[in-house]
Amino acid sequence: MEYSMVESRCDHEYQLLLRYIDQYGDELETRNHRVKSAIDYQQIVFTETPLVTVRKTAWKKAIREMEWFLSGDPKCPEELLDWWDGQLNETGRYVCGYGQQLRSYYSAGRFDQIEFLLKGLKEHTESRRLVVTPWNPLDMSRITEINRNNNTPTVCHGVVIQCSVRGGKLHMTHYQRSADVLLGVPHNWCQYFSL
């Protein structure tokens, strides 16, 4: 019973977002085509797994994709090749993308943001510095060159993830710079909630 109530709330929030974009979204010309955008939409808060059911959500595959990102391995797993078709280099890798940014971020040297976050969650639960970002402006501005594939988009849509522990519970805030609401958002919700 509780599970279906969570689905209903998630579906409701998703449908509100779609309606808002349809009614108030600005039309933008992007690298692919004309889109509607809603950059000022309110924050959505989930306290249970956000699974959209009003459309097909490949949540197991979405979580597998997040596992791949968290592994830091640039080699795309076989089961995700259809999602990443055309975006990988000739060796099937996504160089300098999510995994490398999260596990081997370079500025003044290698920095594993996930290791830092996990350690902080255990040792400094009230810290406001438990922040990770897969967005490295230098790398993202040169991603097609780095990946050696002109079709590689400047992805890494998750810009800031901030965590804290309050009242013995993990709280996470995720700000996303961009998302395909029809295709990607339901999967992104599952992915980031699974962290």
N, C-alpha and C. Protein backbone atom coordinates (compact mmCIF):
# COMPACT_ATOMS: atom_id res chain seq x y z
N MET A 1 0.82 -1.19 0.00
CA MET A 1 0.00 0.00 0.00
C MET A 1 0.87 1.26 0.00
N GLU A 2 1.89 1.30 0.87
CA GLU A 2 2.76 2.46 0.93
C GLU A 2 3.50 2.66 -0.40
N TYR A 3 3.86 1.55 -1.05
CA TYR A 3 4.60 1.64 -2.30
C TYR A 3 3.77 2.33 -3.37
N SER A 4 2.48 2.00 -3.48
CA SER A 4 1.65 2.62 -4.50
C SER A 4 1.42 4.11 -4.19
N MET A 5 1.40 4.50 -2.91
CA MET A 5 1.24 5.91 -2.56
C MET A 5 2.47 6.68 -3.02
N VAL A 6 3.66 6.07 -2.87
CA VAL A 6 4.90 6.73 -3.33
C VAL A 6 4.85 6.90 -4.84
N GLU A 7 4.43 5.86 -5.56
CA GLU A 7 4.32 5.94 -7.01
C GLU A 7 3.36 7.07 -7.40
N SER A 8 2.22 7.15 -6.72
CA SER A 8 1.22 8.15 -7.05
C SER A 8 1.78 9.56 -6.86
N ARG A 9 2.48 9.79 -5.78
CA ARG A 9 3.05 11.12 -5.53
C ARG A 9 4.10 11.46 -6.58
N CYS A 10 4.94 10.50 -6.91
CA CYS A 10 5.97 10.72 -7.92
C CYS A 10 5.33 11.00 -9.28
N ASP A 11 4.34 10.20 -9.64
CA ASP A 11 3.64 10.43 -10.91
C ASP A 11 3.00 11.81 -10.92
N HIS A 12 2.41 12.19 -9.81
CA HIS A 12 1.76 13.50 -9.70
C HIS A 12 2.78 14.62 -9.91
N GLU A 13 3.92 14.54 -9.24
CA GLU A 13 4.97 15.55 -9.38
C GLU A 13 5.48 15.61 -10.82
N TYR A 14 5.64 14.45 -11.43
CA TYR A 14 6.14 14.38 -12.80
C TYR A 14 5.14 15.03 -13.76
N GLN A 15 3.87 14.73 -13.59
CA GLN A 15 2.85 15.31 -14.45
C GLN A 15 2.73 16.83 -14.25
N LEU A 16 2.88 17.30 -13.01
CA LEU A 16 2.88 18.74 -12.75
C LEU A 16 4.03 19.41 -13.49
N LEU A 17 5.20 18.79 -13.44
CA LEU A 17 6.37 19.33 -14.13
C LEU A 17 6.12 19.42 -15.63
N LEU A 18 5.59 18.36 -16.22
CA LEU A 18 5.31 18.36 -17.66
C LEU A 18 4.30 19.46 -18.03
N ARG A 19 3.26 19.59 -17.24
CA ARG A 19 2.25 20.62 -17.50
C ARG A 19 2.85 22.03 -17.39
N TYR A 20 3.69 22.22 -16.38
CA TYR A 20 4.33 23.52 -16.18
C TYR A 20 5.19 23.89 -17.40
N ILE A 21 5.98 22.94 -17.86
CA ILE A 21 6.84 23.20 -19.03
C ILE A 21 5.99 23.50 -20.25
N ASP A 22 4.92 22.73 -20.44
CA ASP A 22 4.05 22.95 -21.59
C ASP A 22 3.41 24.34 -21.55
N GLN A 23 2.97 24.77 -20.38
CA GLN A 23 2.28 26.05 -20.26
C GLN A 23 3.22 27.26 -20.20
N TYR A 24 4.30 27.12 -19.45
CA TYR A 24 5.14 28.29 -19.16
C TYR A 24 6.56 28.20 -19.70
N GLY A 25 6.91 27.09 -20.29
CA GLY A 25 8.29 26.90 -20.72
C GLY A 25 8.71 27.86 -21.82
N ASP A 26 9.93 28.32 -21.72
CA ASP A 26 10.51 29.16 -22.77
C ASP A 26 10.96 28.26 -23.91
N GLU A 27 10.80 28.73 -25.14
CA GLU A 27 11.30 27.97 -26.28
C GLU A 27 12.75 28.36 -26.54
N LEU A 28 13.59 27.35 -26.62
CA LEU A 28 15.02 27.57 -26.84
C LEU A 28 15.51 26.79 -28.05
N GLU A 29 16.49 27.32 -28.74
CA GLU A 29 17.13 26.61 -29.84
C GLU A 29 18.40 25.97 -29.27
N THR A 30 18.48 24.63 -29.29
CA THR A 30 19.64 23.92 -28.75
C THR A 30 20.45 23.33 -29.89
N ARG A 31 21.52 22.63 -29.54
CA ARG A 31 22.38 22.04 -30.57
C ARG A 31 21.63 20.98 -31.38
N ASN A 32 20.57 20.40 -30.82
CA ASN A 32 19.82 19.36 -31.52
C ASN A 32 18.56 19.85 -32.19
N HIS A 33 17.78 20.63 -31.47
CA HIS A 33 16.49 21.09 -32.01
C HIS A 33 15.87 22.10 -31.06
N ARG A 34 14.71 22.57 -31.42
CA ARG A 34 13.99 23.53 -30.59
C ARG A 34 13.32 22.79 -29.44
N VAL A 35 13.45 23.34 -28.22
CA VAL A 35 12.90 22.69 -27.03
C VAL A 35 12.18 23.70 -26.16
N LYS A 36 11.39 23.17 -25.25
CA LYS A 36 10.78 24.01 -24.22
C LYS A 36 11.58 23.81 -22.95
N SER A 37 11.78 24.89 -22.21
CA SER A 37 12.60 24.84 -21.01
C SER A 37 11.88 25.50 -19.85
N ALA A 38 12.10 24.97 -18.65
CA ALA A 38 11.52 25.55 -17.44
C ALA A 38 12.63 25.68 -16.41
N ILE A 39 13.40 26.74 -16.52
CA ILE A 39 14.57 26.88 -15.65
C ILE A 39 14.22 27.38 -14.26
N ASP A 40 13.00 27.84 -14.04
CA ASP A 40 12.66 28.38 -12.73
C ASP A 40 11.65 27.51 -11.98
N TYR A 41 11.65 26.23 -12.26
CA TYR A 41 10.68 25.34 -11.62
C TYR A 41 11.04 25.12 -10.15
N GLN A 42 10.03 24.93 -9.35
CA GLN A 42 10.23 24.73 -7.91
C GLN A 42 11.01 23.45 -7.61
N GLN A 43 11.59 23.39 -6.45
CA GLN A 43 12.31 22.20 -6.01
C GLN A 43 11.32 21.08 -5.72
N ILE A 44 11.66 19.87 -6.13
CA ILE A 44 10.84 18.70 -5.84
C ILE A 44 11.58 17.88 -4.79
N VAL A 45 10.90 17.50 -3.73
CA VAL A 45 11.52 16.74 -2.65
C VAL A 45 10.90 15.36 -2.59
N PHE A 46 11.76 14.33 -2.58
CA PHE A 46 11.30 12.96 -2.43
C PHE A 46 11.88 12.38 -1.15
N THR A 47 11.06 11.66 -0.41
CA THR A 47 11.52 10.98 0.80
C THR A 47 11.46 9.47 0.62
N GLU A 48 10.91 9.02 -0.47
CA GLU A 48 10.86 7.60 -0.83
C GLU A 48 11.30 7.48 -2.28
N THR A 49 11.62 6.27 -2.70
CA THR A 49 12.09 6.05 -4.06
C THR A 49 11.14 6.66 -5.08
N PRO A 50 11.63 7.60 -5.90
CA PRO A 50 10.79 8.27 -6.88
C PRO A 50 10.69 7.47 -8.18
N LEU A 51 9.69 6.61 -8.28
CA LEU A 51 9.52 5.79 -9.46
C LEU A 51 8.31 6.27 -10.25
N VAL A 52 8.56 6.80 -11.43
CA VAL A 52 7.49 7.25 -12.32
C VAL A 52 6.89 6.02 -12.98
N THR A 53 5.55 5.90 -12.92
CA THR A 53 4.88 4.74 -13.52
C THR A 53 3.90 5.13 -14.63
N VAL A 54 3.68 6.44 -14.84
CA VAL A 54 2.77 6.85 -15.91
C VAL A 54 3.41 6.69 -17.28
N ARG A 55 4.66 6.36 -17.31
CA ARG A 55 5.38 6.02 -18.53
C ARG A 55 6.42 4.97 -18.16
N LYS A 56 6.95 4.29 -19.13
CA LYS A 56 7.95 3.25 -18.86
C LYS A 56 9.22 3.89 -18.31
N THR A 57 9.68 3.40 -17.20
CA THR A 57 10.93 3.86 -16.61
C THR A 57 11.84 2.65 -16.44
N ALA A 58 12.94 2.64 -17.16
CA ALA A 58 13.90 1.53 -17.08
C ALA A 58 14.78 1.75 -15.85
N TRP A 59 14.18 1.62 -14.67
CA TRP A 59 14.87 1.98 -13.44
C TRP A 59 16.05 1.07 -13.13
N LYS A 60 15.96 -0.22 -13.47
CA LYS A 60 17.10 -1.11 -13.21
C LYS A 60 18.30 -0.70 -14.07
N LYS A 61 18.02 -0.35 -15.31
CA LYS A 61 19.08 0.07 -16.21
C LYS A 61 19.64 1.43 -15.78
N ALA A 62 18.77 2.31 -15.29
CA ALA A 62 19.21 3.61 -14.80
C ALA A 62 20.15 3.45 -13.61
N ILE A 63 19.80 2.55 -12.72
CA ILE A 63 20.67 2.30 -11.55
C ILE A 63 21.98 1.67 -12.00
N ARG A 64 21.92 0.79 -13.00
CA ARG A 64 23.16 0.19 -13.52
C ARG A 64 24.05 1.27 -14.12
N GLU A 65 23.44 2.27 -14.79
CA GLU A 65 24.22 3.36 -15.35
C GLU A 65 24.91 4.15 -14.23
N MET A 66 24.18 4.41 -13.13
CA MET A 66 24.79 5.12 -12.01
C MET A 66 25.93 4.29 -11.40
N GLU A 67 25.77 2.99 -11.32
CA GLU A 67 26.86 2.13 -10.83
C GLU A 67 28.09 2.28 -11.73
N TRP A 68 27.84 2.36 -13.03
CA TRP A 68 28.96 2.54 -13.97
C TRP A 68 29.65 3.87 -13.70
N PHE A 69 28.88 4.94 -13.55
CA PHE A 69 29.48 6.25 -13.26
C PHE A 69 30.31 6.19 -11.98
N LEU A 70 29.74 5.60 -10.95
CA LEU A 70 30.42 5.54 -9.65
C LEU A 70 31.67 4.66 -9.66
N SER A 71 31.74 3.73 -10.62
CA SER A 71 32.92 2.87 -10.71
C SER A 71 34.14 3.65 -11.20
N GLY A 72 33.91 4.72 -11.95
CA GLY A 72 35.02 5.49 -12.50
C GLY A 72 35.59 4.91 -13.78
N ASP A 73 35.08 3.78 -14.22
CA ASP A 73 35.57 3.12 -15.43
C ASP A 73 35.00 3.82 -16.67
N PRO A 74 35.85 4.29 -17.59
CA PRO A 74 35.32 4.95 -18.79
C PRO A 74 34.70 3.98 -19.80
N LYS A 75 34.97 2.68 -19.67
CA LYS A 75 34.44 1.67 -20.61
C LYS A 75 32.97 1.43 -20.33
N CYS A 76 32.14 1.66 -21.33
CA CYS A 76 30.69 1.50 -21.18
C CYS A 76 30.33 0.02 -21.09
N PRO A 77 29.55 -0.36 -20.08
CA PRO A 77 29.11 -1.76 -19.97
C PRO A 77 28.24 -2.14 -21.16
N GLU A 78 28.32 -3.39 -21.55
CA GLU A 78 27.59 -3.92 -22.70
C GLU A 78 26.09 -3.60 -22.64
N GLU A 79 25.50 -3.74 -21.44
CA GLU A 79 24.05 -3.55 -21.32
C GLU A 79 23.61 -2.09 -21.44
N LEU A 80 24.55 -1.16 -21.51
CA LEU A 80 24.21 0.26 -21.65
C LEU A 80 24.57 0.83 -23.02
N LEU A 81 25.11 0.00 -23.90
CA LEU A 81 25.57 0.50 -25.19
C LEU A 81 24.45 1.14 -26.00
N ASP A 82 23.22 0.64 -25.89
CA ASP A 82 22.13 1.25 -26.66
C ASP A 82 21.83 2.66 -26.17
N TRP A 83 21.98 2.93 -24.89
CA TRP A 83 21.76 4.27 -24.36
C TRP A 83 22.88 5.22 -24.77
N TRP A 84 24.08 4.69 -24.93
CA TRP A 84 25.25 5.52 -25.20
C TRP A 84 25.71 5.45 -26.66
N ASP A 85 24.91 4.86 -27.51
CA ASP A 85 25.24 4.71 -28.92
C ASP A 85 25.59 6.07 -29.54
N GLY A 86 26.72 6.14 -30.19
CA GLY A 86 27.15 7.36 -30.86
C GLY A 86 27.88 8.35 -29.98
N GLN A 87 27.86 8.16 -28.67
CA GLN A 87 28.48 9.12 -27.77
C GLN A 87 29.84 8.66 -27.26
N LEU A 88 30.17 7.41 -27.49
CA LEU A 88 31.43 6.84 -27.01
C LEU A 88 32.51 7.00 -28.08
N ASN A 89 33.75 6.85 -27.66
CA ASN A 89 34.81 6.91 -28.67
C ASN A 89 34.94 5.55 -29.35
N GLU A 90 35.92 5.42 -30.23
CA GLU A 90 36.04 4.19 -31.03
C GLU A 90 36.34 2.95 -30.20
N THR A 91 36.78 3.11 -28.95
CA THR A 91 37.06 1.95 -28.09
C THR A 91 35.91 1.68 -27.11
N GLY A 92 34.78 2.37 -27.30
CA GLY A 92 33.62 2.14 -26.43
C GLY A 92 33.73 2.81 -25.07
N ARG A 93 34.52 3.87 -25.01
CA ARG A 93 34.71 4.58 -23.74
C ARG A 93 34.09 5.97 -23.80
N TYR A 94 33.73 6.43 -22.62
CA TYR A 94 33.31 7.82 -22.46
C TYR A 94 34.38 8.48 -21.59
N VAL A 95 35.35 9.05 -22.24
CA VAL A 95 36.51 9.60 -21.56
C VAL A 95 36.15 10.95 -20.96
N CYS A 96 36.52 11.13 -19.72
CA CYS A 96 36.36 12.40 -19.03
C CYS A 96 34.91 12.72 -18.68
N GLY A 97 34.07 11.73 -18.66
CA GLY A 97 32.66 11.95 -18.33
C GLY A 97 32.38 11.76 -16.86
N TYR A 98 31.17 11.33 -16.56
CA TYR A 98 30.72 11.22 -15.18
C TYR A 98 31.70 10.47 -14.28
N GLY A 99 32.07 9.28 -14.68
CA GLY A 99 32.93 8.45 -13.84
C GLY A 99 34.26 9.10 -13.50
N GLN A 100 34.93 9.62 -14.51
CA GLN A 100 36.22 10.25 -14.25
C GLN A 100 36.05 11.50 -13.40
N GLN A 101 35.00 12.28 -13.66
CA GLN A 101 34.81 13.50 -12.88
C GLN A 101 34.53 13.17 -11.41
N LEU A 102 33.77 12.11 -11.17
CA LEU A 102 33.42 11.74 -9.80
C LEU A 102 34.55 11.03 -9.07
N ARG A 103 35.32 10.21 -9.79
CA ARG A 103 36.33 9.37 -9.12
C ARG A 103 37.76 9.84 -9.32
N SER A 104 38.03 10.63 -10.34
CA SER A 104 39.40 11.07 -10.61
C SER A 104 39.43 12.52 -11.09
N TYR A 105 38.72 13.37 -10.39
CA TYR A 105 38.63 14.79 -10.77
C TYR A 105 40.02 15.41 -10.68
N TYR A 106 40.41 16.12 -11.72
CA TYR A 106 41.74 16.74 -11.73
C TYR A 106 41.62 18.25 -11.61
N SER A 107 42.33 18.79 -10.69
CA SER A 107 42.52 20.24 -10.62
C SER A 107 43.98 20.43 -10.25
N ALA A 108 44.30 20.23 -9.00
CA ALA A 108 45.71 20.28 -8.58
C ALA A 108 46.25 18.86 -8.40
N GLY A 109 45.53 17.89 -8.87
CA GLY A 109 45.88 16.48 -8.75
C GLY A 109 44.61 15.66 -8.71
N ARG A 110 44.76 14.35 -8.67
CA ARG A 110 43.60 13.45 -8.67
C ARG A 110 42.82 13.61 -7.36
N PHE A 111 41.49 13.69 -7.48
CA PHE A 111 40.65 13.82 -6.31
C PHE A 111 39.42 12.95 -6.49
N ASP A 112 39.22 11.99 -5.60
CA ASP A 112 38.07 11.09 -5.65
C ASP A 112 36.94 11.72 -4.83
N GLN A 113 36.00 12.35 -5.52
CA GLN A 113 34.92 13.05 -4.83
C GLN A 113 34.01 12.10 -4.05
N ILE A 114 33.77 10.92 -4.58
CA ILE A 114 32.88 9.96 -3.92
C ILE A 114 33.53 9.46 -2.62
N GLU A 115 34.81 9.18 -2.68
CA GLU A 115 35.53 8.75 -1.47
C GLU A 115 35.48 9.86 -0.40
N PHE A 116 35.69 11.10 -0.83
CA PHE A 116 35.62 12.25 0.07
C PHE A 116 34.22 12.37 0.69
N LEU A 117 33.19 12.21 -0.14
CA LEU A 117 31.82 12.31 0.33
C LEU A 117 31.50 11.22 1.36
N LEU A 118 31.84 9.98 1.05
CA LEU A 118 31.54 8.86 1.96
C LEU A 118 32.27 9.02 3.29
N LYS A 119 33.53 9.42 3.23
CA LYS A 119 34.30 9.64 4.45
C LYS A 119 33.67 10.76 5.27
N GLY A 120 33.28 11.84 4.61
CA GLY A 120 32.66 12.96 5.29
C GLY A 120 31.33 12.59 5.93
N LEU A 121 30.54 11.79 5.25
CA LEU A 121 29.25 11.36 5.80
C LEU A 121 29.43 10.54 7.08
N LYS A 122 30.54 9.84 7.18
CA LYS A 122 30.82 9.03 8.38
C LYS A 122 31.46 9.86 9.49
N GLU A 123 32.37 10.75 9.12
CA GLU A 123 33.18 11.43 10.13
C GLU A 123 32.76 12.87 10.43
N HIS A 124 32.10 13.52 9.50
CA HIS A 124 31.74 14.94 9.67
C HIS A 124 30.30 15.15 9.21
N THR A 125 29.38 14.50 9.87
CA THR A 125 27.99 14.46 9.40
C THR A 125 27.32 15.83 9.31
N GLU A 126 27.79 16.80 10.07
CA GLU A 126 27.16 18.12 10.04
C GLU A 126 27.86 19.09 9.08
N SER A 127 28.84 18.59 8.35
CA SER A 127 29.59 19.45 7.43
C SER A 127 28.69 19.94 6.31
N ARG A 128 28.93 21.17 5.89
CA ARG A 128 28.24 21.72 4.73
C ARG A 128 29.12 21.61 3.49
N ARG A 129 30.23 20.89 3.61
CA ARG A 129 31.18 20.75 2.50
C ARG A 129 31.07 19.40 1.79
N LEU A 130 30.04 18.66 2.09
CA LEU A 130 29.88 17.34 1.49
C LEU A 130 29.18 17.51 0.13
N VAL A 131 29.95 18.02 -0.81
CA VAL A 131 29.45 18.38 -2.13
C VAL A 131 30.29 17.68 -3.19
N VAL A 132 29.63 17.15 -4.21
CA VAL A 132 30.34 16.58 -5.37
C VAL A 132 29.74 17.21 -6.64
N THR A 133 30.56 17.24 -7.68
CA THR A 133 30.09 17.74 -8.97
C THR A 133 30.78 16.99 -10.10
N PRO A 134 30.00 16.48 -11.05
CA PRO A 134 30.63 15.88 -12.23
C PRO A 134 30.91 16.92 -13.32
N TRP A 135 30.75 18.19 -13.00
CA TRP A 135 30.93 19.24 -14.00
C TRP A 135 32.27 19.92 -13.79
N ASN A 136 33.21 19.64 -14.65
CA ASN A 136 34.50 20.31 -14.66
C ASN A 136 34.49 21.21 -15.90
N PRO A 137 34.36 22.53 -15.73
CA PRO A 137 34.20 23.42 -16.89
C PRO A 137 35.27 23.24 -17.96
N LEU A 138 36.52 23.05 -17.55
CA LEU A 138 37.58 22.88 -18.54
C LEU A 138 37.35 21.64 -19.38
N ASP A 139 37.06 20.52 -18.73
CA ASP A 139 36.84 19.28 -19.47
C ASP A 139 35.56 19.34 -20.30
N MET A 140 34.48 19.88 -19.73
CA MET A 140 33.22 19.91 -20.46
C MET A 140 33.28 20.81 -21.69
N SER A 141 34.11 21.84 -21.64
CA SER A 141 34.23 22.72 -22.80
C SER A 141 35.00 22.04 -23.94
N ARG A 142 35.74 20.96 -23.63
CA ARG A 142 36.54 20.26 -24.64
C ARG A 142 36.16 18.79 -24.76
N ILE A 143 34.95 18.42 -24.33
CA ILE A 143 34.61 17.00 -24.22
C ILE A 143 34.66 16.26 -25.56
N THR A 144 34.25 16.88 -26.65
CA THR A 144 34.31 16.18 -27.94
C THR A 144 35.75 15.91 -28.35
N GLU A 145 36.63 16.85 -28.07
CA GLU A 145 38.06 16.68 -28.37
C GLU A 145 38.67 15.60 -27.47
N ILE A 146 38.39 15.67 -26.17
CA ILE A 146 38.95 14.70 -25.22
C ILE A 146 38.49 13.29 -25.54
N ASN A 147 37.21 13.15 -25.86
CA ASN A 147 36.64 11.83 -26.13
C ASN A 147 36.92 11.36 -27.56
N ARG A 148 37.46 12.24 -28.37
CA ARG A 148 37.74 11.94 -29.78
C ARG A 148 36.49 11.47 -30.51
N ASN A 149 35.38 12.21 -30.30
CA ASN A 149 34.13 11.90 -30.96
C ASN A 149 33.32 13.19 -31.03
N ASN A 150 33.11 13.71 -32.23
CA ASN A 150 32.38 14.97 -32.39
C ASN A 150 30.91 14.85 -32.01
N ASN A 151 30.41 13.62 -31.85
CA ASN A 151 29.02 13.43 -31.45
C ASN A 151 28.84 13.36 -29.94
N THR A 152 29.93 13.39 -29.20
CA THR A 152 29.83 13.35 -27.74
C THR A 152 29.28 14.67 -27.24
N PRO A 153 28.11 14.63 -26.62
CA PRO A 153 27.55 15.88 -26.11
C PRO A 153 28.24 16.30 -24.82
N THR A 154 28.10 17.55 -24.49
CA THR A 154 28.59 18.03 -23.20
C THR A 154 27.57 17.61 -22.16
N VAL A 155 27.71 16.39 -21.69
CA VAL A 155 26.72 15.87 -20.75
C VAL A 155 27.08 16.28 -19.34
N CYS A 156 27.13 15.34 -18.45
CA CYS A 156 27.33 15.64 -17.04
C CYS A 156 26.31 16.68 -16.60
N HIS A 157 25.05 16.32 -16.76
CA HIS A 157 23.97 17.24 -16.45
C HIS A 157 23.83 17.50 -14.96
N GLY A 158 24.28 16.57 -14.13
CA GLY A 158 24.23 16.80 -12.69
C GLY A 158 25.34 17.74 -12.29
N VAL A 159 24.98 18.91 -11.84
CA VAL A 159 26.00 19.92 -11.56
C VAL A 159 26.46 19.89 -10.11
N VAL A 160 25.53 19.82 -9.18
CA VAL A 160 25.89 19.82 -7.76
C VAL A 160 25.05 18.80 -7.01
N ILE A 161 25.72 18.01 -6.21
CA ILE A 161 25.06 17.09 -5.30
C ILE A 161 25.60 17.41 -3.91
N GLN A 162 24.73 17.80 -3.00
CA GLN A 162 25.15 18.12 -1.64
C GLN A 162 24.45 17.19 -0.68
N CYS A 163 25.21 16.62 0.24
CA CYS A 163 24.67 15.67 1.21
C CYS A 163 24.91 16.16 2.63
N SER A 164 24.05 15.70 3.51
CA SER A 164 24.23 15.95 4.94
C SER A 164 23.47 14.88 5.69
N VAL A 165 23.80 14.75 6.95
CA VAL A 165 23.07 13.82 7.82
C VAL A 165 22.38 14.67 8.88
N ARG A 166 21.05 14.55 8.93
CA ARG A 166 20.27 15.29 9.92
C ARG A 166 19.30 14.33 10.59
N GLY A 167 19.35 14.32 11.90
CA GLY A 167 18.47 13.43 12.63
C GLY A 167 18.71 11.97 12.29
N GLY A 168 19.95 11.63 11.99
CA GLY A 168 20.29 10.25 11.65
C GLY A 168 19.87 9.83 10.25
N LYS A 169 19.39 10.76 9.44
CA LYS A 169 18.96 10.44 8.08
C LYS A 169 19.78 11.20 7.06
N LEU A 170 20.05 10.53 5.95
CA LEU A 170 20.80 11.15 4.86
C LEU A 170 19.87 12.07 4.08
N HIS A 171 20.33 13.29 3.84
CA HIS A 171 19.62 14.26 3.01
C HIS A 171 20.51 14.60 1.83
N MET A 172 19.93 14.61 0.64
CA MET A 172 20.70 14.93 -0.55
C MET A 172 19.93 15.96 -1.37
N THR A 173 20.64 16.98 -1.81
CA THR A 173 20.07 17.96 -2.72
C THR A 173 20.84 17.84 -4.03
N HIS A 174 20.10 17.77 -5.12
CA HIS A 174 20.72 17.60 -6.43
C HIS A 174 20.22 18.70 -7.34
N TYR A 175 21.14 19.46 -7.88
CA TYR A 175 20.81 20.49 -8.86
C TYR A 175 21.29 20.00 -10.21
N GLN A 176 20.41 20.01 -11.19
CA GLN A 176 20.73 19.51 -12.51
C GLN A 176 20.69 20.67 -13.50
N ARG A 177 21.74 20.84 -14.28
CA ARG A 177 21.81 21.97 -15.21
C ARG A 177 20.90 21.78 -16.41
N SER A 178 20.63 20.52 -16.75
CA SER A 178 19.86 20.23 -17.94
C SER A 178 19.31 18.82 -17.84
N ALA A 179 18.17 18.59 -18.49
CA ALA A 179 17.60 17.25 -18.48
C ALA A 179 16.56 17.14 -19.58
N ASP A 180 16.45 15.97 -20.13
CA ASP A 180 15.37 15.66 -21.06
C ASP A 180 14.22 15.16 -20.20
N VAL A 181 13.22 15.99 -20.00
CA VAL A 181 12.14 15.67 -19.07
C VAL A 181 11.34 14.46 -19.53
N LEU A 182 11.12 14.33 -20.83
CA LEU A 182 10.33 13.19 -21.31
C LEU A 182 11.09 11.87 -21.23
N LEU A 183 12.38 11.90 -21.52
CA LEU A 183 13.14 10.65 -21.53
C LEU A 183 14.00 10.44 -20.28
N GLY A 184 14.73 11.46 -19.88
CA GLY A 184 15.75 11.26 -18.86
C GLY A 184 15.36 11.46 -17.42
N VAL A 185 14.48 12.43 -17.13
CA VAL A 185 14.21 12.79 -15.74
C VAL A 185 13.73 11.62 -14.88
N PRO A 186 12.78 10.79 -15.33
CA PRO A 186 12.38 9.66 -14.48
C PRO A 186 13.55 8.74 -14.14
N HIS A 187 14.45 8.56 -15.09
CA HIS A 187 15.64 7.73 -14.84
C HIS A 187 16.60 8.45 -13.89
N ASN A 188 16.79 9.75 -14.10
CA ASN A 188 17.68 10.52 -13.23
C ASN A 188 17.20 10.50 -11.78
N TRP A 189 15.89 10.62 -11.58
CA TRP A 189 15.35 10.57 -10.22
C TRP A 189 15.73 9.26 -9.55
N CYS A 190 15.56 8.14 -10.26
CA CYS A 190 15.94 6.83 -9.69
C CYS A 190 17.44 6.77 -9.42
N GLN A 191 18.23 7.27 -10.37
CA GLN A 191 19.68 7.20 -10.23
C GLN A 191 20.18 7.95 -9.01
N TYR A 192 19.79 9.20 -8.90
CA TYR A 192 20.32 10.00 -7.81
C TYR A 192 19.76 9.57 -6.47
N PHE A 193 18.54 9.08 -6.45
CA PHE A 193 17.98 8.58 -5.20
C PHE A 193 18.69 7.30 -4.77
N SER A 194 19.20 6.53 -5.74
CA SER A 194 19.88 5.26 -5.42
C SER A 194 21.28 5.47 -4.85
N LEU A 195 21.82 6.69 -5.00
CA LEU A 195 23.15 6.96 -4.44
C LEU A 195 23.16 6.61 -2.99
